C-alpha cells in the first residue's frame, strides 16, 4: 500500500512538472515495468486525478495545485472586487504587483464582482481581465456565493494553477472563496490594507504537501 501511494504521488509530480507525459516518459523517470505503470495510471485516471488524451498522453485533471511544480503550466489569479470606498487603486492591482515581485507570472486574471462594484472601477476595465459578474444578493448569500465561486474555480483550475485572493468583496463571498479554494488546494492570499503587505494564508508549499497526502 505504501509503495503504491508513493508511486502514485511520484507519477502525479512527474506529469505536473512536464505538463503532459506519456507512459514512456514516466517509465524513464521511475524505471518501473510498463504493466505496473499502466495499472497505477489507470488508478489515477479512475480517481479523477489524471486524464488521458489521445496516444497515451496523460495530464492532470486539475492544474491546481500541482501545476505550481512546473513552469510549463500557466498560473492564474482569482480575486474578489468590492466597492471602491474612496480607494484610488484597486487591491487586485497591488496584489498582482506583489505576486510579480515574488516571481509569480500570472497569465490569467479572473475577477468576481457585482454589477455595482464593477461600475466603480471602469477605468481599470481591459480585455486582459476576465470578469465574472453576479448579482449582489448572490454574493451576500452563503449558499449562492459558494455555488457560483465553485463554478468559477472549477473552470480555472482545469487549465491553470490558481492563486485565490480573499482581500476584497463582500465578506460572505470572501468566506465562500476561502472555503472553495481550500477544497481545491489552492494557495490563498490576503492584502493588508494598512501596510499593503501580501499575506500568504496558505502557501504553495503547504497546499502541495497537503494535497499529496490525500493521494492513496
C-alpha atoms as a PDB file:
ATOM      1  CA  UNK A   1       0.000   0.000   0.000  1.00  0.00           C
ATOM      2  CA  UNK A   2       2.801   2.437   0.912  1.00  0.00           C
ATOM      3  CA  UNK A   3       4.633   1.615  -2.317  1.00  0.00           C
ATOM      4  CA  UNK A   4       1.535   2.273  -4.437  1.00  0.00           C
ATOM      5  CA  UNK A   5       0.834   5.533  -2.612  1.00  0.00           C
ATOM      6  CA  UNK A   6       4.414   6.699  -3.103  1.00  0.00           C
ATOM      7  CA  UNK A   7       4.449   5.697  -6.773  1.00  0.00           C
ATOM      8  CA  UNK A   8       1.133   7.422  -7.447  1.00  0.00           C
ATOM      9  CA  UNK A   9       2.472  10.599  -5.876  1.00  0.00           C
ATOM     10  CA  UNK A  10       5.645  10.312  -7.962  1.00  0.00           C
ATOM     11  CA  UNK A  11       3.597   9.886 -11.145  1.00  0.00           C
ATOM     12  CA  UNK A  12       1.489  12.956 -10.374  1.00  0.00           C
ATOM     13  CA  UNK A  13       4.586  15.055  -9.740  1.00  0.00           C
ATOM     14  CA  UNK A  14       6.220  13.878 -12.979  1.00  0.00           C
ATOM     15  CA  UNK A  15       3.102  14.685 -15.018  1.00  0.00           C
ATOM     16  CA  UNK A  16       2.779  18.053 -13.280  1.00  0.00           C
ATOM     17  CA  UNK A  17       6.390  19.064 -13.893  1.00  0.00           C
ATOM     18  CA  UNK A  18       6.229  18.096 -17.565  1.00  0.00           C
ATOM     19  CA  UNK A  19       2.766  19.495 -18.154  1.00  0.00           C
ATOM     20  CA  UNK A  20       1.917  16.309 -20.084  1.00  0.00           C
ATOM     21  CA  UNK A  21       3.636  12.918 -20.071  1.00  0.00           C
ATOM     22  CA  UNK A  22       3.433   9.614 -21.885  1.00  0.00           C
ATOM     23  CA  UNK A  23       3.838   6.154 -20.406  1.00  0.00           C
ATOM     24  CA  UNK A  24       7.374   6.160 -21.815  1.00  0.00           C
ATOM     25  CA  UNK A  25       8.200   9.496 -20.153  1.00  0.00           C
ATOM     26  CA  UNK A  26       7.035   8.239 -16.785  1.00  0.00           C
ATOM     27  CA  UNK A  27       8.761   4.882 -17.194  1.00  0.00           C
ATOM     28  CA  UNK A  28      12.109   6.584 -17.869  1.00  0.00           C
ATOM     29  CA  UNK A  29      11.705   8.576 -14.658  1.00  0.00           C
ATOM     30  CA  UNK A  30      10.573   5.701 -12.430  1.00  0.00           C
ATOM     31  CA  UNK A  31      12.179   2.685 -14.102  1.00  0.00           C
ATOM     32  CA  UNK A  32       9.099   0.554 -13.445  1.00  0.00           C
ATOM     33  CA  UNK A  33       7.543  -2.214 -15.604  1.00  0.00           C
ATOM     34  CA  UNK A  34       5.013  -0.918 -18.189  1.00  0.00           C
ATOM     35  CA  UNK A  35       2.270  -3.177 -16.828  1.00  0.00           C
ATOM     36  CA  UNK A  36       2.724  -1.812 -13.309  1.00  0.00           C
ATOM     37  CA  UNK A  37       2.795   1.776 -14.527  1.00  0.00           C
ATOM     38  CA  UNK A  38      -0.334   1.213 -16.597  1.00  0.00           C
ATOM     39  CA  UNK A  39      -2.112  -0.065 -13.501  1.00  0.00           C
ATOM     40  CA  UNK A  40      -1.105   2.961 -11.419  1.00  0.00           C
ATOM     41  CA  UNK A  41      -2.046   5.350 -14.226  1.00  0.00           C
ATOM     42  CA  UNK A  42      -5.458   3.709 -14.589  1.00  0.00           C
ATOM     43  CA  UNK A  43      -5.993   4.086 -10.848  1.00  0.00           C
ATOM     44  CA  UNK A  44      -5.168   7.811 -11.039  1.00  0.00           C
ATOM     45  CA  UNK A  45      -7.477   8.279 -14.026  1.00  0.00           C
ATOM     46  CA  UNK A  46     -10.250   6.376 -12.221  1.00  0.00           C
ATOM     47  CA  UNK A  47      -9.810   8.604  -9.168  1.00  0.00           C
ATOM     48  CA  UNK A  48     -10.130  11.704 -11.337  1.00  0.00           C
ATOM     49  CA  UNK A  49      -6.591  12.939 -10.677  1.00  0.00           C
ATOM     50  CA  UNK A  50      -5.303  12.379 -14.214  1.00  0.00           C
ATOM     51  CA  UNK A  51      -6.962  12.468 -17.594  1.00  0.00           C
ATOM     52  CA  UNK A  52      -5.840  10.515 -20.631  1.00  0.00           C
ATOM     53  CA  UNK A  53      -5.596  12.131 -24.022  1.00  0.00           C
ATOM     54  CA  UNK A  54      -5.007  10.574 -27.424  1.00  0.00           C
ATOM     55  CA  UNK A  55      -1.976   8.322 -27.986  1.00  0.00           C
ATOM     56  CA  UNK A  56      -1.469   7.599 -24.295  1.00  0.00           C
ATOM     57  CA  UNK A  57      -0.686  11.119 -23.108  1.00  0.00           C
ATOM     58  CA  UNK A  58      -1.583  11.955 -19.528  1.00  0.00           C
ATOM     59  CA  UNK A  59      -2.170  15.309 -17.876  1.00  0.00           C
ATOM     60  CA  UNK A  60      -3.528  16.497 -14.560  1.00  0.00           C
ATOM     61  CA  UNK A  61      -7.300  16.622 -14.359  1.00  0.00           C
ATOM     62  CA  UNK A  62      -6.889  19.905 -12.484  1.00  0.00           C
ATOM     63  CA  UNK A  63      -3.766  22.030 -12.745  1.00  0.00           C
ATOM     64  CA  UNK A  64      -4.367  23.302  -9.199  1.00  0.00           C
ATOM     65  CA  UNK A  65      -2.395  22.668  -7.060  1.00  0.00           C
ATOM     66  CA  UNK A  66       0.348  20.504  -8.617  1.00  0.00           C
ATOM     67  CA  UNK A  67       0.700  22.849 -11.580  1.00  0.00           C
ATOM     68  CA  UNK A  68       2.769  25.042  -9.282  1.00  0.00           C
ATOM     69  CA  UNK A  69       5.537  22.455  -9.571  1.00  0.00           C
ATOM     70  CA  UNK A  70       6.023  23.325 -13.244  1.00  0.00           C
ATOM     71  CA  UNK A  71       6.963  26.388 -15.264  1.00  0.00           C
ATOM     72  CA  UNK A  72       5.081  24.848 -18.196  1.00  0.00           C
ATOM     73  CA  UNK A  73       1.652  25.169 -16.610  1.00  0.00           C
ATOM     74  CA  UNK A  74       0.126  28.683 -16.695  1.00  0.00           C
ATOM     75  CA  UNK A  75      -0.790  30.434 -13.469  1.00  0.00           C
ATOM     76  CA  UNK A  76      -3.992  32.316 -12.707  1.00  0.00           C
ATOM     77  CA  UNK A  77      -5.220  34.830 -10.151  1.00  0.00           C
ATOM     78  CA  UNK A  78      -8.813  34.715  -8.909  1.00  0.00           C
ATOM     79  CA  UNK A  79      -9.927  37.596  -6.728  1.00  0.00           C
ATOM     80  CA  UNK A  80     -12.974  39.455  -5.473  1.00  0.00           C
ATOM     81  CA  UNK A  81     -13.810  43.047  -6.331  1.00  0.00           C
ATOM     82  CA  UNK A  82     -15.670  45.160  -3.806  1.00  0.00           C
ATOM     83  CA  UNK A  83     -16.939  48.719  -3.698  1.00  0.00           C
ATOM     84  CA  UNK A  84     -14.424  51.486  -4.263  1.00  0.00           C
ATOM     85  CA  UNK A  85     -14.975  53.281  -0.939  1.00  0.00           C
ATOM     86  CA  UNK A  86     -12.538  56.062  -1.799  1.00  0.00           C
ATOM     87  CA  UNK A  87      -9.671  53.819  -2.885  1.00  0.00           C
ATOM     88  CA  UNK A  88      -7.572  55.250  -5.685  1.00  0.00           C
ATOM     89  CA  UNK A  89      -6.044  51.936  -6.723  1.00  0.00           C
ATOM     90  CA  UNK A  90      -7.710  48.513  -6.892  1.00  0.00           C
ATOM     91  CA  UNK A  91      -6.492  45.992  -4.376  1.00  0.00           C
ATOM     92  CA  UNK A  92      -6.179  43.345  -7.076  1.00  0.00           C
ATOM     93  CA  UNK A  93      -3.661  45.527  -8.967  1.00  0.00           C
ATOM     94  CA  UNK A  94      -1.497  45.804  -5.852  1.00  0.00           C
ATOM     95  CA  UNK A  95      -1.785  42.060  -5.203  1.00  0.00           C
ATOM     96  CA  UNK A  96      -0.701  41.254  -8.769  1.00  0.00           C
ATOM     97  CA  UNK A  97       2.262  43.603  -8.453  1.00  0.00           C
ATOM     98  CA  UNK A  98       3.289  41.895  -5.217  1.00  0.00           C
ATOM     99  CA  UNK A  99       2.961  38.456  -6.796  1.00  0.00           C
ATOM    100  CA  UNK A 100       5.079  39.584  -9.741  1.00  0.00           C
ATOM    101  CA  UNK A 101       7.841  40.719  -7.386  1.00  0.00           C
ATOM    102  CA  UNK A 102       7.708  37.224  -5.864  1.00  0.00           C
ATOM    103  CA  UNK A 103       8.331  35.749  -9.334  1.00  0.00           C
ATOM    104  CA  UNK A 104       4.713  34.661  -9.863  1.00  0.00           C
ATOM    105  CA  UNK A 105       3.982  35.092 -13.555  1.00  0.00           C
ATOM    106  CA  UNK A 106       0.203  35.399 -13.767  1.00  0.00           C
ATOM    107  CA  UNK A 107      -1.198  34.688 -17.220  1.00  0.00           C
ATOM    108  CA  UNK A 108      -4.902  34.779 -16.413  1.00  0.00           C
ATOM    109  CA  UNK A 109      -6.744  37.230 -14.164  1.00  0.00           C
ATOM    110  CA  UNK A 110     -10.313  36.410 -13.150  1.00  0.00           C
ATOM    111  CA  UNK A 111     -12.256  38.877 -11.020  1.00  0.00           C
ATOM    112  CA  UNK A 112     -15.567  38.136  -9.295  1.00  0.00           C
ATOM    113  CA  UNK A 113     -17.762  41.165  -8.776  1.00  0.00           C
ATOM    114  CA  UNK A 114     -21.262  42.599  -8.607  1.00  0.00           C
ATOM    115  CA  UNK A 115     -22.534  44.978 -11.313  1.00  0.00           C
ATOM    116  CA  UNK A 116     -22.432  47.911  -8.884  1.00  0.00           C
ATOM    117  CA  UNK A 117     -18.860  47.269  -7.764  1.00  0.00           C
ATOM    118  CA  UNK A 118     -17.768  46.664 -11.346  1.00  0.00           C
ATOM    119  CA  UNK A 119     -19.131  50.063 -12.427  1.00  0.00           C
ATOM    120  CA  UNK A 120     -16.966  51.837  -9.858  1.00  0.00           C
ATOM    121  CA  UNK A 121     -13.721  50.594 -11.435  1.00  0.00           C
ATOM    122  CA  UNK A 122     -14.462  51.411 -15.089  1.00  0.00           C
ATOM    123  CA  UNK A 123     -11.040  52.924 -15.787  1.00  0.00           C
ATOM    124  CA  UNK A 124      -9.442  49.554 -14.967  1.00  0.00           C
ATOM    125  CA  UNK A 125     -11.530  47.508 -17.391  1.00  0.00           C
ATOM    126  CA  UNK A 126      -9.403  45.958 -20.108  1.00  0.00           C
ATOM    127  CA  UNK A 127      -9.532  42.868 -22.344  1.00  0.00           C
ATOM    128  CA  UNK A 128      -6.848  41.048 -20.339  1.00  0.00           C
ATOM    129  CA  UNK A 129      -9.176  40.707 -17.335  1.00  0.00           C
ATOM    130  CA  UNK A 130     -11.986  38.151 -17.226  1.00  0.00           C
ATOM    131  CA  UNK A 131     -14.909  39.390 -15.172  1.00  0.00           C
ATOM    132  CA  UNK A 132     -17.411  37.057 -13.534  1.00  0.00           C
ATOM    133  CA  UNK A 133     -20.333  39.255 -12.545  1.00  0.00           C
ATOM    134  CA  UNK A 134     -23.023  38.058 -10.140  1.00  0.00           C
ATOM    135  CA  UNK A 135     -25.966  39.836  -8.543  1.00  0.00           C
ATOM    136  CA  UNK A 136     -25.191  41.479  -5.241  1.00  0.00           C
ATOM    137  CA  UNK A 137     -27.777  39.302  -3.487  1.00  0.00           C
ATOM    138  CA  UNK A 138     -25.945  36.221  -4.758  1.00  0.00           C
ATOM    139  CA  UNK A 139     -22.575  37.345  -3.378  1.00  0.00           C
ATOM    140  CA  UNK A 140     -24.162  38.054   0.012  1.00  0.00           C
ATOM    141  CA  UNK A 141     -25.817  34.644   0.197  1.00  0.00           C
ATOM    142  CA  UNK A 142     -23.515  31.929   1.609  1.00  0.00           C
ATOM    143  CA  UNK A 143     -25.001  29.082  -0.438  1.00  0.00           C
ATOM    144  CA  UNK A 144     -25.365  31.025  -3.690  1.00  0.00           C
ATOM    145  CA  UNK A 145     -21.955  32.663  -3.419  1.00  0.00           C
ATOM    146  CA  UNK A 146     -20.257  29.329  -2.822  1.00  0.00           C
ATOM    147  CA  UNK A 147     -22.112  27.755  -5.750  1.00  0.00           C
ATOM    148  CA  UNK A 148     -21.054  30.500  -8.169  1.00  0.00           C
ATOM    149  CA  UNK A 149     -17.479  30.678  -6.910  1.00  0.00           C
ATOM    150  CA  UNK A 150     -17.123  26.904  -7.151  1.00  0.00           C
ATOM    151  CA  UNK A 151     -18.131  27.055 -10.808  1.00  0.00           C
ATOM    152  CA  UNK A 152     -15.503  29.722 -11.494  1.00  0.00           C
ATOM    153  CA  UNK A 153     -12.739  27.804  -9.728  1.00  0.00           C
ATOM    154  CA  UNK A 154     -13.654  24.549 -11.451  1.00  0.00           C
ATOM    155  CA  UNK A 155     -13.240  26.268 -14.809  1.00  0.00           C
ATOM    156  CA  UNK A 156      -9.951  27.978 -13.978  1.00  0.00           C
ATOM    157  CA  UNK A 157      -8.339  25.089 -12.068  1.00  0.00           C
ATOM    158  CA  UNK A 158      -8.729  22.740 -15.020  1.00  0.00           C
ATOM    159  CA  UNK A 159      -6.273  24.731 -17.138  1.00  0.00           C
ATOM    160  CA  UNK A 160      -4.317  26.873 -14.663  1.00  0.00           C
ATOM    161  CA  UNK A 161      -2.649  26.680 -11.274  1.00  0.00           C
ATOM    162  CA  UNK A 162      -4.591  29.366  -9.451  1.00  0.00           C
ATOM    163  CA  UNK A 163      -3.979  31.688  -6.523  1.00  0.00           C
ATOM    164  CA  UNK A 164      -7.099  32.857  -4.667  1.00  0.00           C
ATOM    165  CA  UNK A 165      -7.218  36.370  -3.192  1.00  0.00           C
ATOM    166  CA  UNK A 166      -9.835  36.893  -0.467  1.00  0.00           C
ATOM    167  CA  UNK A 167      -8.995  40.549   0.205  1.00  0.00           C
ATOM    168  CA  UNK A 168     -11.905  42.393  -1.319  1.00  0.00           C
ATOM    169  CA  UNK A 169     -15.598  41.916  -1.983  1.00  0.00           C
ATOM    170  CA  UNK A 170     -18.450  41.099   0.414  1.00  0.00           C
ATOM    171  CA  UNK A 171     -17.326  39.160   3.476  1.00  0.00           C
ATOM    172  CA  UNK A 172     -19.756  36.372   2.649  1.00  0.00           C
ATOM    173  CA  UNK A 173     -18.152  35.953  -0.769  1.00  0.00           C
ATOM    174  CA  UNK A 174     -14.689  36.081   0.805  1.00  0.00           C
ATOM    175  CA  UNK A 175     -15.558  33.257   3.172  1.00  0.00           C
ATOM    176  CA  UNK A 176     -17.005  31.251   0.281  1.00  0.00           C
ATOM    177  CA  UNK A 177     -13.873  31.813  -1.818  1.00  0.00           C
ATOM    178  CA  UNK A 178     -11.719  30.702   1.112  1.00  0.00           C
ATOM    179  CA  UNK A 179     -13.739  27.522   1.587  1.00  0.00           C
ATOM    180  CA  UNK A 180     -13.813  26.547  -2.071  1.00  0.00           C
ATOM    181  CA  UNK A 181     -10.149  27.454  -2.639  1.00  0.00           C
ATOM    182  CA  UNK A 182      -9.214  25.307   0.368  1.00  0.00           C
ATOM    183  CA  UNK A 183     -11.187  22.415  -1.091  1.00  0.00           C
ATOM    184  CA  UNK A 184      -9.307  22.836  -4.374  1.00  0.00           C
ATOM    185  CA  UNK A 185      -5.972  23.040  -2.528  1.00  0.00           C
ATOM    186  CA  UNK A 186      -5.302  26.479  -3.995  1.00  0.00           C
ATOM    187  CA  UNK A 187      -2.887  28.862  -2.257  1.00  0.00           C
ATOM    188  CA  UNK A 188      -4.727  31.760  -0.622  1.00  0.00           C
ATOM    189  CA  UNK A 189      -3.523  35.332  -0.170  1.00  0.00           C
ATOM    190  CA  UNK A 190      -4.739  38.450   1.598  1.00  0.00           C
ATOM    191  CA  UNK A 191      -3.578  42.055   1.148  1.00  0.00           C
ATOM    192  CA  UNK A 192      -3.336  44.119   4.319  1.00  0.00           C
ATOM    193  CA  UNK A 193      -4.846  47.498   3.515  1.00  0.00           C
ATOM    194  CA  UNK A 194      -2.935  49.368   6.213  1.00  0.00           C
ATOM    195  CA  UNK A 195       0.559  48.164   5.247  1.00  0.00           C
ATOM    196  CA  UNK A 196      -0.046  46.782   1.733  1.00  0.00           C
ATOM    197  CA  UNK A 197       1.674  43.590   2.875  1.00  0.00           C
ATOM    198  CA  UNK A 198       0.810  40.449   0.934  1.00  0.00           C
ATOM    199  CA  UNK A 199      -0.039  37.748   3.466  1.00  0.00           C
ATOM    200  CA  UNK A 200       0.021  34.079   2.448  1.00  0.00           C
ATOM    201  CA  UNK A 201      -2.789  32.422   4.367  1.00  0.00           C
ATOM    202  CA  UNK A 202      -1.953  29.145   2.614  1.00  0.00           C
ATOM    203  CA  UNK A 203       1.362  28.941   0.778  1.00  0.00           C
ATOM    204  CA  UNK A 204       2.122  26.983  -2.367  1.00  0.00           C
ATOM    205  CA  UNK A 205       4.412  24.662  -0.431  1.00  0.00           C
ATOM    206  CA  UNK A 206       1.727  23.956   2.180  1.00  0.00           C
ATOM    207  CA  UNK A 207      -1.056  23.184  -0.261  1.00  0.00           C
ATOM    208  CA  UNK A 208       1.105  20.940  -2.465  1.00  0.00           C
ATOM    209  CA  UNK A 209       2.261  18.996   0.596  1.00  0.00           C
ATOM    210  CA  UNK A 210      -1.284  18.698   1.960  1.00  0.00           C
ATOM    211  CA  UNK A 211      -2.659  17.651  -1.426  1.00  0.00           C
ATOM    212  CA  UNK A 212      -0.123  14.882  -1.901  1.00  0.00           C
ATOM    213  CA  UNK A 213      -1.043  13.480   1.499  1.00  0.00           C
ATOM    214  CA  UNK A 214      -4.538  12.799   0.158  1.00  0.00           C
ATOM    215  CA  UNK A 215      -3.229  10.606  -2.681  1.00  0.00           C
ATOM    216  CA  UNK A 216      -3.638   6.946  -1.726  1.00  0.00           C
END
